[in-house]
Amino acid sequence: MQIASKVDAMIVVGSANSSNTVALAKLAKDEGCQKVLRINSAEEISEPLTGVIGLTAGASAPDEIVTDIIRALSPRDGVEEIRATDEDEYFPPPRNLRNCKKRCH
């Protein structure tokens, strides 16, 4: 939301069947971004992008893919990182896996 109305295009990284990724793409459009691309990897950037490009990623998108996309875009004026939230959540393994660890060792 912080950048969608200020960019010429927004790239949303993540799977088309990810509700998080779909919500990010919809939010970018709703906030006024005219060009929103949902991709899984840098290889999927099929058109030249110019101006200010926003980049966001779904929760399960690996950092390496985001880094590859930044490299592929090769920003002329650098990259400004904007963080809306800090990712410090911990999701414990399911109970059956936690119990297995105790019994299996």
N, C-alpha and C. Protein backbone atom coordinates (compact mmCIF):
# COMPACT_ATOMS: atom_id res chain seq x y z
N MET A 1 0.81 -1.19 0.00
CA MET A 1 0.00 0.00 0.00
C MET A 1 0.86 1.25 0.00
N GLN A 2 2.00 1.18 0.67
CA GLN A 2 2.86 2.36 0.79
C GLN A 2 3.45 2.80 -0.54
N ILE A 3 3.66 1.86 -1.47
CA ILE A 3 4.35 2.23 -2.70
C ILE A 3 3.52 2.06 -3.97
N ALA A 4 2.42 1.33 -3.90
CA ALA A 4 1.68 0.97 -5.11
C ALA A 4 1.24 2.17 -5.94
N SER A 5 0.82 3.24 -5.31
CA SER A 5 0.37 4.41 -6.06
C SER A 5 1.51 5.28 -6.54
N LYS A 6 2.75 4.97 -6.13
CA LYS A 6 3.91 5.79 -6.47
C LYS A 6 4.82 5.17 -7.52
N VAL A 7 4.46 3.98 -8.02
CA VAL A 7 5.33 3.27 -8.97
C VAL A 7 4.67 3.20 -10.34
N ASP A 8 5.51 3.00 -11.35
CA ASP A 8 5.01 2.84 -12.72
C ASP A 8 4.56 1.40 -12.98
N ALA A 9 5.13 0.46 -12.26
CA ALA A 9 4.74 -0.94 -12.37
C ALA A 9 5.07 -1.62 -11.05
N MET A 10 4.29 -2.65 -10.73
CA MET A 10 4.52 -3.41 -9.51
C MET A 10 4.70 -4.88 -9.89
N ILE A 11 5.76 -5.47 -9.39
CA ILE A 11 5.98 -6.90 -9.57
C ILE A 11 5.63 -7.58 -8.26
N VAL A 12 4.77 -8.59 -8.36
CA VAL A 12 4.37 -9.38 -7.19
C VAL A 12 4.93 -10.78 -7.41
N VAL A 13 5.78 -11.21 -6.50
CA VAL A 13 6.43 -12.51 -6.63
C VAL A 13 5.66 -13.54 -5.83
N GLY A 14 5.27 -14.62 -6.52
CA GLY A 14 4.59 -15.70 -5.83
C GLY A 14 3.67 -16.45 -6.75
N SER A 15 3.20 -17.56 -6.28
CA SER A 15 2.38 -18.46 -7.07
C SER A 15 0.99 -17.87 -7.33
N ALA A 16 0.44 -18.19 -8.49
CA ALA A 16 -0.90 -17.73 -8.86
C ALA A 16 -1.97 -18.36 -7.97
N ASN A 17 -1.66 -19.48 -7.32
CA ASN A 17 -2.66 -20.11 -6.45
C ASN A 17 -2.44 -19.76 -4.98
N SER A 18 -1.57 -18.80 -4.71
CA SER A 18 -1.34 -18.33 -3.34
C SER A 18 -2.31 -17.20 -3.03
N SER A 19 -3.14 -17.37 -2.04
CA SER A 19 -4.10 -16.32 -1.70
C SER A 19 -3.38 -15.05 -1.27
N ASN A 20 -2.24 -15.19 -0.61
CA ASN A 20 -1.45 -14.04 -0.19
C ASN A 20 -0.95 -13.25 -1.41
N THR A 21 -0.42 -13.95 -2.40
CA THR A 21 0.09 -13.30 -3.60
C THR A 21 -1.02 -12.63 -4.39
N VAL A 22 -2.14 -13.32 -4.54
CA VAL A 22 -3.29 -12.76 -5.26
C VAL A 22 -3.77 -11.49 -4.55
N ALA A 23 -3.79 -11.52 -3.21
CA ALA A 23 -4.22 -10.35 -2.45
C ALA A 23 -3.25 -9.19 -2.63
N LEU A 24 -1.95 -9.46 -2.69
CA LEU A 24 -0.97 -8.40 -2.91
C LEU A 24 -1.16 -7.75 -4.28
N ALA A 25 -1.39 -8.55 -5.30
CA ALA A 25 -1.60 -8.02 -6.65
C ALA A 25 -2.88 -7.19 -6.70
N LYS A 26 -3.93 -7.67 -6.09
CA LYS A 26 -5.20 -6.93 -6.07
C LYS A 26 -5.04 -5.62 -5.31
N LEU A 27 -4.34 -5.65 -4.20
CA LEU A 27 -4.10 -4.45 -3.41
C LEU A 27 -3.34 -3.41 -4.22
N ALA A 28 -2.32 -3.84 -4.96
CA ALA A 28 -1.55 -2.91 -5.79
C ALA A 28 -2.46 -2.24 -6.82
N LYS A 29 -3.32 -3.00 -7.46
CA LYS A 29 -4.26 -2.43 -8.44
C LYS A 29 -5.24 -1.49 -7.76
N ASP A 30 -5.77 -1.91 -6.63
CA ASP A 30 -6.73 -1.09 -5.90
C ASP A 30 -6.12 0.23 -5.43
N GLU A 31 -4.81 0.23 -5.18
CA GLU A 31 -4.13 1.43 -4.72
C GLU A 31 -3.71 2.34 -5.88
N GLY A 32 -4.01 1.93 -7.11
CA GLY A 32 -3.77 2.81 -8.25
C GLY A 32 -2.63 2.44 -9.17
N CYS A 33 -1.98 1.32 -8.93
CA CYS A 33 -0.91 0.90 -9.83
C CYS A 33 -1.53 0.33 -11.11
N GLN A 34 -1.18 0.92 -12.25
CA GLN A 34 -1.79 0.54 -13.52
C GLN A 34 -1.23 -0.77 -14.08
N LYS A 35 0.03 -1.07 -13.81
CA LYS A 35 0.65 -2.27 -14.36
C LYS A 35 1.15 -3.15 -13.21
N VAL A 36 0.51 -4.30 -13.04
CA VAL A 36 0.88 -5.24 -11.99
C VAL A 36 1.20 -6.57 -12.64
N LEU A 37 2.40 -7.06 -12.39
CA LEU A 37 2.84 -8.35 -12.94
C LEU A 37 3.02 -9.33 -11.79
N ARG A 38 2.38 -10.49 -11.87
CA ARG A 38 2.57 -11.55 -10.90
C ARG A 38 3.46 -12.59 -11.53
N ILE A 39 4.61 -12.84 -10.93
CA ILE A 39 5.58 -13.77 -11.51
C ILE A 39 6.13 -14.71 -10.44
N ASN A 40 6.72 -15.81 -10.92
CA ASN A 40 7.38 -16.77 -10.03
C ASN A 40 8.89 -16.64 -10.04
N SER A 41 9.44 -16.05 -11.11
CA SER A 41 10.89 -15.96 -11.22
C SER A 41 11.26 -14.82 -12.16
N ALA A 42 12.53 -14.45 -12.15
CA ALA A 42 13.03 -13.37 -13.01
C ALA A 42 12.83 -13.68 -14.49
N GLU A 43 12.87 -14.96 -14.84
CA GLU A 43 12.71 -15.37 -16.24
C GLU A 43 11.33 -15.03 -16.79
N GLU A 44 10.37 -14.80 -15.93
CA GLU A 44 9.00 -14.50 -16.36
C GLU A 44 8.77 -13.02 -16.67
N ILE A 45 9.78 -12.19 -16.48
CA ILE A 45 9.64 -10.78 -16.86
C ILE A 45 9.76 -10.74 -18.37
N SER A 46 8.61 -10.61 -19.04
CA SER A 46 8.57 -10.77 -20.50
C SER A 46 8.60 -9.45 -21.26
N GLU A 47 8.52 -8.35 -20.56
CA GLU A 47 8.50 -7.06 -21.24
C GLU A 47 9.45 -6.11 -20.54
N PRO A 48 9.99 -5.16 -21.29
CA PRO A 48 10.88 -4.19 -20.64
C PRO A 48 10.08 -3.29 -19.69
N LEU A 49 10.60 -3.07 -18.54
CA LEU A 49 9.93 -2.22 -17.56
C LEU A 49 10.78 -0.96 -17.36
N THR A 50 10.13 0.18 -17.36
CA THR A 50 10.84 1.44 -17.19
C THR A 50 10.20 2.24 -16.07
N GLY A 51 10.91 3.22 -15.60
CA GLY A 51 10.41 4.07 -14.53
C GLY A 51 10.69 3.45 -13.18
N VAL A 52 9.83 3.75 -12.24
CA VAL A 52 9.98 3.24 -10.89
C VAL A 52 9.20 1.93 -10.79
N ILE A 53 9.90 0.88 -10.40
CA ILE A 53 9.31 -0.45 -10.32
C ILE A 53 9.21 -0.85 -8.85
N GLY A 54 8.01 -1.21 -8.43
CA GLY A 54 7.82 -1.73 -7.08
C GLY A 54 7.96 -3.25 -7.11
N LEU A 55 8.41 -3.80 -6.03
CA LEU A 55 8.60 -5.24 -5.95
C LEU A 55 8.15 -5.69 -4.57
N THR A 56 7.23 -6.64 -4.54
CA THR A 56 6.78 -7.22 -3.29
C THR A 56 6.66 -8.72 -3.50
N ALA A 57 6.60 -9.46 -2.42
CA ALA A 57 6.58 -10.92 -2.54
C ALA A 57 5.62 -11.52 -1.54
N GLY A 58 4.99 -12.62 -1.95
CA GLY A 58 4.14 -13.38 -1.06
C GLY A 58 4.96 -13.99 0.06
N ALA A 59 4.29 -14.43 1.08
CA ALA A 59 4.96 -14.94 2.28
C ALA A 59 5.89 -16.11 2.01
N SER A 60 5.57 -16.94 1.03
CA SER A 60 6.40 -18.12 0.80
C SER A 60 7.42 -17.95 -0.32
N ALA A 61 7.52 -16.76 -0.88
CA ALA A 61 8.50 -16.53 -1.96
C ALA A 61 9.91 -16.48 -1.37
N PRO A 62 10.81 -17.30 -1.87
CA PRO A 62 12.18 -17.31 -1.34
C PRO A 62 12.93 -16.00 -1.61
N ASP A 63 13.73 -15.58 -0.66
CA ASP A 63 14.52 -14.35 -0.80
C ASP A 63 15.42 -14.39 -2.04
N GLU A 64 15.92 -15.59 -2.39
CA GLU A 64 16.82 -15.70 -3.55
C GLU A 64 16.11 -15.28 -4.84
N ILE A 65 14.84 -15.60 -4.95
CA ILE A 65 14.09 -15.22 -6.16
C ILE A 65 13.93 -13.71 -6.22
N VAL A 66 13.64 -13.09 -5.10
CA VAL A 66 13.51 -11.63 -5.04
C VAL A 66 14.85 -10.99 -5.44
N THR A 67 15.93 -11.51 -4.92
CA THR A 67 17.26 -11.00 -5.28
C THR A 67 17.54 -11.18 -6.76
N ASP A 68 17.17 -12.32 -7.33
CA ASP A 68 17.36 -12.56 -8.77
C ASP A 68 16.56 -11.55 -9.60
N ILE A 69 15.37 -11.23 -9.16
CA ILE A 69 14.54 -10.27 -9.89
C ILE A 69 15.16 -8.87 -9.84
N ILE A 70 15.64 -8.48 -8.69
CA ILE A 70 16.31 -7.18 -8.59
C ILE A 70 17.51 -7.14 -9.52
N ARG A 71 18.28 -8.22 -9.55
CA ARG A 71 19.44 -8.30 -10.45
C ARG A 71 19.01 -8.19 -11.91
N ALA A 72 17.93 -8.87 -12.27
CA ALA A 72 17.44 -8.86 -13.66
C ALA A 72 16.95 -7.46 -14.06
N LEU A 73 16.36 -6.76 -13.12
CA LEU A 73 15.88 -5.41 -13.41
C LEU A 73 17.04 -4.42 -13.53
N SER A 74 18.16 -4.76 -12.92
CA SER A 74 19.37 -3.93 -12.87
C SER A 74 19.04 -2.45 -12.72
N PRO A 75 18.54 -2.07 -11.54
CA PRO A 75 18.12 -0.69 -11.32
C PRO A 75 19.25 0.31 -11.50
N ARG A 76 18.99 1.29 -12.33
CA ARG A 76 19.98 2.32 -12.65
C ARG A 76 20.24 3.24 -11.47
N ASP A 77 19.19 3.54 -10.71
CA ASP A 77 19.33 4.49 -9.60
C ASP A 77 19.32 3.82 -8.24
N GLY A 78 19.62 2.53 -8.22
CA GLY A 78 19.69 1.82 -6.96
C GLY A 78 18.36 1.28 -6.50
N VAL A 79 18.36 0.76 -5.30
CA VAL A 79 17.19 0.12 -4.72
C VAL A 79 16.91 0.78 -3.38
N GLU A 80 15.65 1.12 -3.16
CA GLU A 80 15.23 1.63 -1.86
C GLU A 80 14.36 0.57 -1.23
N GLU A 81 14.77 0.08 -0.08
CA GLU A 81 14.00 -0.95 0.60
C GLU A 81 13.03 -0.29 1.57
N ILE A 82 11.76 -0.66 1.46
CA ILE A 82 10.73 -0.16 2.36
C ILE A 82 10.13 -1.37 3.05
N ARG A 83 10.16 -1.37 4.37
CA ARG A 83 9.59 -2.48 5.13
C ARG A 83 8.33 -2.00 5.84
N ALA A 84 7.25 -2.70 5.60
CA ALA A 84 5.99 -2.37 6.26
C ALA A 84 5.86 -3.14 7.57
N THR A 85 6.46 -4.33 7.61
CA THR A 85 6.41 -5.16 8.82
C THR A 85 7.75 -5.86 8.97
N ASP A 86 8.06 -6.23 10.19
CA ASP A 86 9.22 -7.07 10.44
C ASP A 86 8.75 -8.51 10.49
N GLU A 87 9.51 -9.37 9.84
CA GLU A 87 9.15 -10.78 9.81
C GLU A 87 9.83 -11.51 10.95
N ASP A 88 9.17 -11.57 12.08
CA ASP A 88 9.75 -12.25 13.23
C ASP A 88 8.80 -13.32 13.78
N GLU A 89 7.90 -13.77 12.93
CA GLU A 89 6.96 -14.80 13.35
C GLU A 89 7.66 -16.16 13.39
N TYR A 90 7.25 -16.98 14.34
CA TYR A 90 7.75 -18.34 14.42
C TYR A 90 6.56 -19.28 14.32
N PHE A 91 6.62 -20.19 13.38
CA PHE A 91 5.56 -21.17 13.21
C PHE A 91 6.12 -22.54 13.57
N PRO A 92 5.74 -23.07 14.72
CA PRO A 92 6.28 -24.37 15.13
C PRO A 92 5.79 -25.48 14.20
N PRO A 93 6.56 -26.56 14.09
CA PRO A 93 6.12 -27.69 13.29
C PRO A 93 4.82 -28.26 13.86
N PRO A 94 4.05 -28.96 13.04
CA PRO A 94 2.84 -29.59 13.55
C PRO A 94 3.14 -30.52 14.73
N ARG A 95 2.17 -30.68 15.59
CA ARG A 95 2.35 -31.47 16.81
C ARG A 95 2.86 -32.87 16.52
N ASN A 96 2.34 -33.53 15.46
CA ASN A 96 2.78 -34.89 15.18
C ASN A 96 4.26 -34.94 14.83
N LEU A 97 4.80 -33.90 14.20
CA LEU A 97 6.24 -33.87 13.91
C LEU A 97 7.04 -33.57 15.17
N ARG A 98 6.52 -32.69 16.02
CA ARG A 98 7.22 -32.40 17.29
C ARG A 98 7.27 -33.66 18.14
N ASN A 99 6.16 -34.40 18.19
CA ASN A 99 6.11 -35.64 18.98
C ASN A 99 7.02 -36.70 18.39
N CYS A 100 7.09 -36.76 17.07
CA CYS A 100 7.95 -37.73 16.42
C CYS A 100 9.42 -37.49 16.79
N LYS A 101 9.80 -36.22 16.84
CA LYS A 101 11.18 -35.89 17.16
C LYS A 101 11.54 -36.42 18.54
N LYS A 102 10.63 -36.34 19.47
CA LYS A 102 10.87 -36.82 20.83
C LYS A 102 10.97 -38.36 20.83
N ARG A 103 10.09 -39.02 20.08
CA ARG A 103 10.04 -40.50 20.08
C ARG A 103 11.08 -41.11 19.16
N CYS A 104 11.44 -40.42 18.09
CA CYS A 104 12.28 -41.02 17.05
C CYS A 104 13.77 -40.94 17.36
N HIS A 105 14.17 -40.27 18.39
CA HIS A 105 15.61 -40.14 18.68
C HIS A 105 16.02 -40.97 19.83
